[in-house]
Amino acid sequence: MPLLNELPVGAVARVTGYSDRNAPCRRRLLSMGVTPGAVITVTRRAPLGDPIELNLRGTALCLRLEEARVITVEPIIATVSD
């Protein structure tokens, strides 16, 4: 399963779960709505790659890469390269 931090800008994916169920940030991510089945779009990345901005249920959400590394996803739409 790919991880959220591996997705390029423009990718759309469905959250399938967490790679580390004991990650300290897991509870906070769940409370922010990053739940299994949620659809996420990667909208932007900072110039150095950290943090990344996501669109989740109509809300912009920024995550650090260390947080995105524990979220497993299933890509829905592949991005088109220029």
N, C-alpha and C. Protein backbone atom coordinates (compact mmCIF):
# COMPACT_ATOMS: atom_id res chain seq x y z
N MET A 1 0.84 -1.19 0.00
CA MET A 1 0.00 0.00 0.00
C MET A 1 0.88 1.25 0.00
N PRO A 2 0.57 2.18 -0.88
CA PRO A 2 1.32 3.44 -0.87
C PRO A 2 0.98 4.27 0.37
N LEU A 3 1.89 5.15 0.71
CA LEU A 3 1.68 6.05 1.83
C LEU A 3 1.35 7.43 1.30
N LEU A 4 0.68 8.23 2.10
CA LEU A 4 0.24 9.56 1.69
C LEU A 4 1.41 10.45 1.30
N ASN A 5 2.52 10.34 1.98
CA ASN A 5 3.67 11.21 1.67
C ASN A 5 4.28 10.91 0.31
N GLU A 6 3.96 9.77 -0.31
CA GLU A 6 4.51 9.39 -1.61
C GLU A 6 3.70 9.94 -2.79
N LEU A 7 2.52 10.48 -2.55
CA LEU A 7 1.66 10.95 -3.63
C LEU A 7 2.13 12.29 -4.18
N PRO A 8 2.05 12.47 -5.50
CA PRO A 8 2.42 13.76 -6.10
C PRO A 8 1.26 14.76 -5.99
N VAL A 9 1.55 16.02 -6.24
CA VAL A 9 0.53 17.07 -6.24
C VAL A 9 -0.50 16.74 -7.31
N GLY A 10 -1.77 16.86 -6.97
CA GLY A 10 -2.86 16.58 -7.89
C GLY A 10 -3.43 15.18 -7.75
N ALA A 11 -2.77 14.32 -7.01
CA ALA A 11 -3.24 12.95 -6.85
C ALA A 11 -4.46 12.91 -5.92
N VAL A 12 -5.38 12.02 -6.23
CA VAL A 12 -6.57 11.82 -5.41
C VAL A 12 -6.51 10.38 -4.90
N ALA A 13 -6.74 10.20 -3.60
CA ALA A 13 -6.64 8.86 -3.01
C ALA A 13 -7.65 8.70 -1.89
N ARG A 14 -7.93 7.45 -1.57
CA ARG A 14 -8.82 7.11 -0.46
C ARG A 14 -7.96 6.57 0.68
N VAL A 15 -8.22 7.05 1.88
CA VAL A 15 -7.49 6.57 3.06
C VAL A 15 -7.93 5.14 3.35
N THR A 16 -6.95 4.24 3.50
CA THR A 16 -7.27 2.84 3.80
C THR A 16 -6.96 2.49 5.25
N GLY A 17 -6.12 3.27 5.90
CA GLY A 17 -5.78 2.99 7.29
C GLY A 17 -4.48 3.64 7.69
N TYR A 18 -3.85 3.04 8.70
CA TYR A 18 -2.60 3.56 9.24
C TYR A 18 -1.56 2.46 9.27
N SER A 19 -0.35 2.78 8.84
CA SER A 19 0.72 1.78 8.82
C SER A 19 1.24 1.48 10.23
N ASP A 20 1.12 2.45 11.12
CA ASP A 20 1.56 2.28 12.50
C ASP A 20 0.40 2.65 13.42
N ARG A 21 -0.29 1.65 13.92
CA ARG A 21 -1.45 1.91 14.76
C ARG A 21 -1.08 2.57 16.09
N ASN A 22 0.20 2.55 16.46
CA ASN A 22 0.64 3.15 17.71
C ASN A 22 1.32 4.50 17.51
N ALA A 23 1.22 5.05 16.30
CA ALA A 23 1.85 6.35 16.04
C ALA A 23 1.24 7.41 16.95
N PRO A 24 2.08 8.29 17.52
CA PRO A 24 1.56 9.29 18.45
C PRO A 24 0.57 10.27 17.81
N CYS A 25 0.67 10.47 16.50
CA CYS A 25 -0.20 11.44 15.84
C CYS A 25 -1.50 10.82 15.35
N ARG A 26 -1.66 9.51 15.45
CA ARG A 26 -2.83 8.81 14.90
C ARG A 26 -4.15 9.34 15.47
N ARG A 27 -4.22 9.51 16.76
CA ARG A 27 -5.46 9.99 17.39
C ARG A 27 -5.82 11.39 16.90
N ARG A 28 -4.81 12.24 16.77
CA ARG A 28 -5.06 13.61 16.29
C ARG A 28 -5.53 13.61 14.84
N LEU A 29 -4.91 12.76 14.01
CA LEU A 29 -5.33 12.65 12.61
C LEU A 29 -6.78 12.16 12.51
N LEU A 30 -7.13 11.17 13.31
CA LEU A 30 -8.50 10.67 13.31
C LEU A 30 -9.48 11.77 13.71
N SER A 31 -9.12 12.58 14.70
CA SER A 31 -10.02 13.66 15.14
C SER A 31 -10.14 14.76 14.10
N MET A 32 -9.15 14.89 13.20
CA MET A 32 -9.22 15.88 12.12
C MET A 32 -9.99 15.35 10.91
N GLY A 33 -10.42 14.10 10.95
CA GLY A 33 -11.21 13.55 9.86
C GLY A 33 -10.47 12.66 8.91
N VAL A 34 -9.19 12.37 9.19
CA VAL A 34 -8.41 11.48 8.33
C VAL A 34 -8.75 10.05 8.75
N THR A 35 -9.92 9.60 8.32
CA THR A 35 -10.44 8.29 8.70
C THR A 35 -10.46 7.37 7.49
N PRO A 36 -10.42 6.07 7.69
CA PRO A 36 -10.51 5.15 6.56
C PRO A 36 -11.76 5.42 5.72
N GLY A 37 -11.56 5.50 4.41
CA GLY A 37 -12.66 5.80 3.49
C GLY A 37 -12.70 7.25 3.05
N ALA A 38 -12.02 8.14 3.77
CA ALA A 38 -12.01 9.55 3.39
C ALA A 38 -11.21 9.75 2.11
N VAL A 39 -11.70 10.64 1.25
CA VAL A 39 -11.02 10.94 -0.02
C VAL A 39 -10.17 12.19 0.18
N ILE A 40 -8.90 12.09 -0.23
CA ILE A 40 -7.93 13.17 -0.05
C ILE A 40 -7.35 13.56 -1.40
N THR A 41 -7.19 14.86 -1.63
CA THR A 41 -6.50 15.38 -2.81
C THR A 41 -5.27 16.13 -2.34
N VAL A 42 -4.11 15.81 -2.90
CA VAL A 42 -2.89 16.53 -2.57
C VAL A 42 -2.90 17.80 -3.41
N THR A 43 -3.00 18.98 -2.76
CA THR A 43 -3.13 20.23 -3.49
C THR A 43 -1.81 20.99 -3.64
N ARG A 44 -0.95 20.94 -2.64
CA ARG A 44 0.32 21.67 -2.72
C ARG A 44 1.37 21.00 -1.86
N ARG A 45 2.61 21.30 -2.19
CA ARG A 45 3.77 20.89 -1.39
C ARG A 45 4.65 22.12 -1.18
N ALA A 46 5.21 22.23 0.01
CA ALA A 46 6.14 23.33 0.28
C ALA A 46 7.38 23.15 -0.60
N PRO A 47 8.13 24.22 -0.86
CA PRO A 47 9.31 24.12 -1.73
C PRO A 47 10.29 23.01 -1.34
N LEU A 48 10.46 22.74 -0.06
CA LEU A 48 11.36 21.69 0.36
C LEU A 48 10.62 20.38 0.62
N GLY A 49 9.32 20.33 0.27
CA GLY A 49 8.55 19.11 0.39
C GLY A 49 7.79 18.91 1.68
N ASP A 50 8.06 19.71 2.68
CA ASP A 50 7.41 19.54 3.98
C ASP A 50 6.96 20.90 4.49
N PRO A 51 5.71 21.13 4.76
CA PRO A 51 4.57 20.22 4.82
C PRO A 51 3.87 20.08 3.46
N ILE A 52 2.82 19.24 3.44
CA ILE A 52 1.98 19.10 2.26
C ILE A 52 0.58 19.58 2.60
N GLU A 53 -0.10 20.15 1.61
CA GLU A 53 -1.47 20.62 1.82
C GLU A 53 -2.41 19.66 1.13
N LEU A 54 -3.47 19.29 1.83
CA LEU A 54 -4.45 18.35 1.33
C LEU A 54 -5.83 18.99 1.33
N ASN A 55 -6.69 18.49 0.47
CA ASN A 55 -8.09 18.86 0.53
C ASN A 55 -8.82 17.63 1.05
N LEU A 56 -9.46 17.77 2.18
CA LEU A 56 -10.16 16.67 2.84
C LEU A 56 -11.55 17.14 3.22
N ARG A 57 -12.56 16.58 2.57
CA ARG A 57 -13.96 16.94 2.84
C ARG A 57 -14.20 18.44 2.73
N GLY A 58 -13.59 19.07 1.71
CA GLY A 58 -13.80 20.49 1.47
C GLY A 58 -12.98 21.41 2.35
N THR A 59 -12.06 20.87 3.11
CA THR A 59 -11.23 21.65 4.02
C THR A 59 -9.76 21.50 3.66
N ALA A 60 -9.03 22.60 3.68
CA ALA A 60 -7.57 22.54 3.46
C ALA A 60 -6.92 22.10 4.76
N LEU A 61 -6.04 21.13 4.65
CA LEU A 61 -5.37 20.56 5.81
C LEU A 61 -3.89 20.42 5.49
N CYS A 62 -3.03 20.93 6.35
CA CYS A 62 -1.58 20.78 6.15
C CYS A 62 -1.05 19.74 7.12
N LEU A 63 -0.24 18.81 6.58
CA LEU A 63 0.37 17.77 7.40
C LEU A 63 1.86 17.76 7.19
N ARG A 64 2.59 17.47 8.25
CA ARG A 64 4.03 17.26 8.13
C ARG A 64 4.24 15.90 7.49
N LEU A 65 5.39 15.71 6.88
CA LEU A 65 5.68 14.44 6.22
C LEU A 65 5.70 13.28 7.21
N GLU A 66 6.16 13.53 8.42
CA GLU A 66 6.19 12.45 9.42
C GLU A 66 4.78 11.98 9.75
N GLU A 67 3.79 12.87 9.69
CA GLU A 67 2.40 12.48 9.91
C GLU A 67 1.85 11.75 8.68
N ALA A 68 2.19 12.24 7.50
CA ALA A 68 1.70 11.63 6.25
C ALA A 68 2.29 10.23 6.04
N ARG A 69 3.43 9.95 6.63
CA ARG A 69 4.08 8.64 6.47
C ARG A 69 3.34 7.50 7.13
N VAL A 70 2.44 7.77 8.04
CA VAL A 70 1.72 6.69 8.71
C VAL A 70 0.34 6.43 8.09
N ILE A 71 -0.06 7.23 7.09
CA ILE A 71 -1.38 7.10 6.47
C ILE A 71 -1.26 6.28 5.20
N THR A 72 -1.91 5.13 5.15
CA THR A 72 -1.91 4.32 3.93
C THR A 72 -3.10 4.73 3.07
N VAL A 73 -2.87 4.77 1.75
CA VAL A 73 -3.90 5.24 0.82
C VAL A 73 -4.01 4.30 -0.38
N GLU A 74 -5.12 4.44 -1.08
CA GLU A 74 -5.35 3.74 -2.33
C GLU A 74 -5.60 4.80 -3.38
N PRO A 75 -4.69 4.98 -4.34
CA PRO A 75 -4.87 6.03 -5.36
C PRO A 75 -6.16 5.81 -6.15
N ILE A 76 -6.87 6.90 -6.41
CA ILE A 76 -8.11 6.83 -7.18
C ILE A 76 -7.87 7.38 -8.59
N ILE A 77 -7.23 8.54 -8.67
CA ILE A 77 -6.97 9.18 -9.96
C ILE A 77 -5.49 9.47 -10.06
N ALA A 78 -4.86 9.02 -11.14
CA ALA A 78 -3.45 9.32 -11.37
C ALA A 78 -3.33 10.74 -11.90
N THR A 79 -2.23 11.38 -11.59
CA THR A 79 -2.00 12.74 -12.06
C THR A 79 -1.49 12.71 -13.50
N VAL A 80 -1.69 13.81 -14.20
CA VAL A 80 -1.22 13.94 -15.58
C VAL A 80 0.00 14.84 -15.56
N SER A 81 1.12 14.34 -16.09
CA SER A 81 2.35 15.13 -16.12
C SER A 81 2.30 16.11 -17.28
N ASP A 82 2.88 17.28 -17.07
CA ASP A 82 2.94 18.29 -18.15
C ASP A 82 3.99 17.94 -19.16
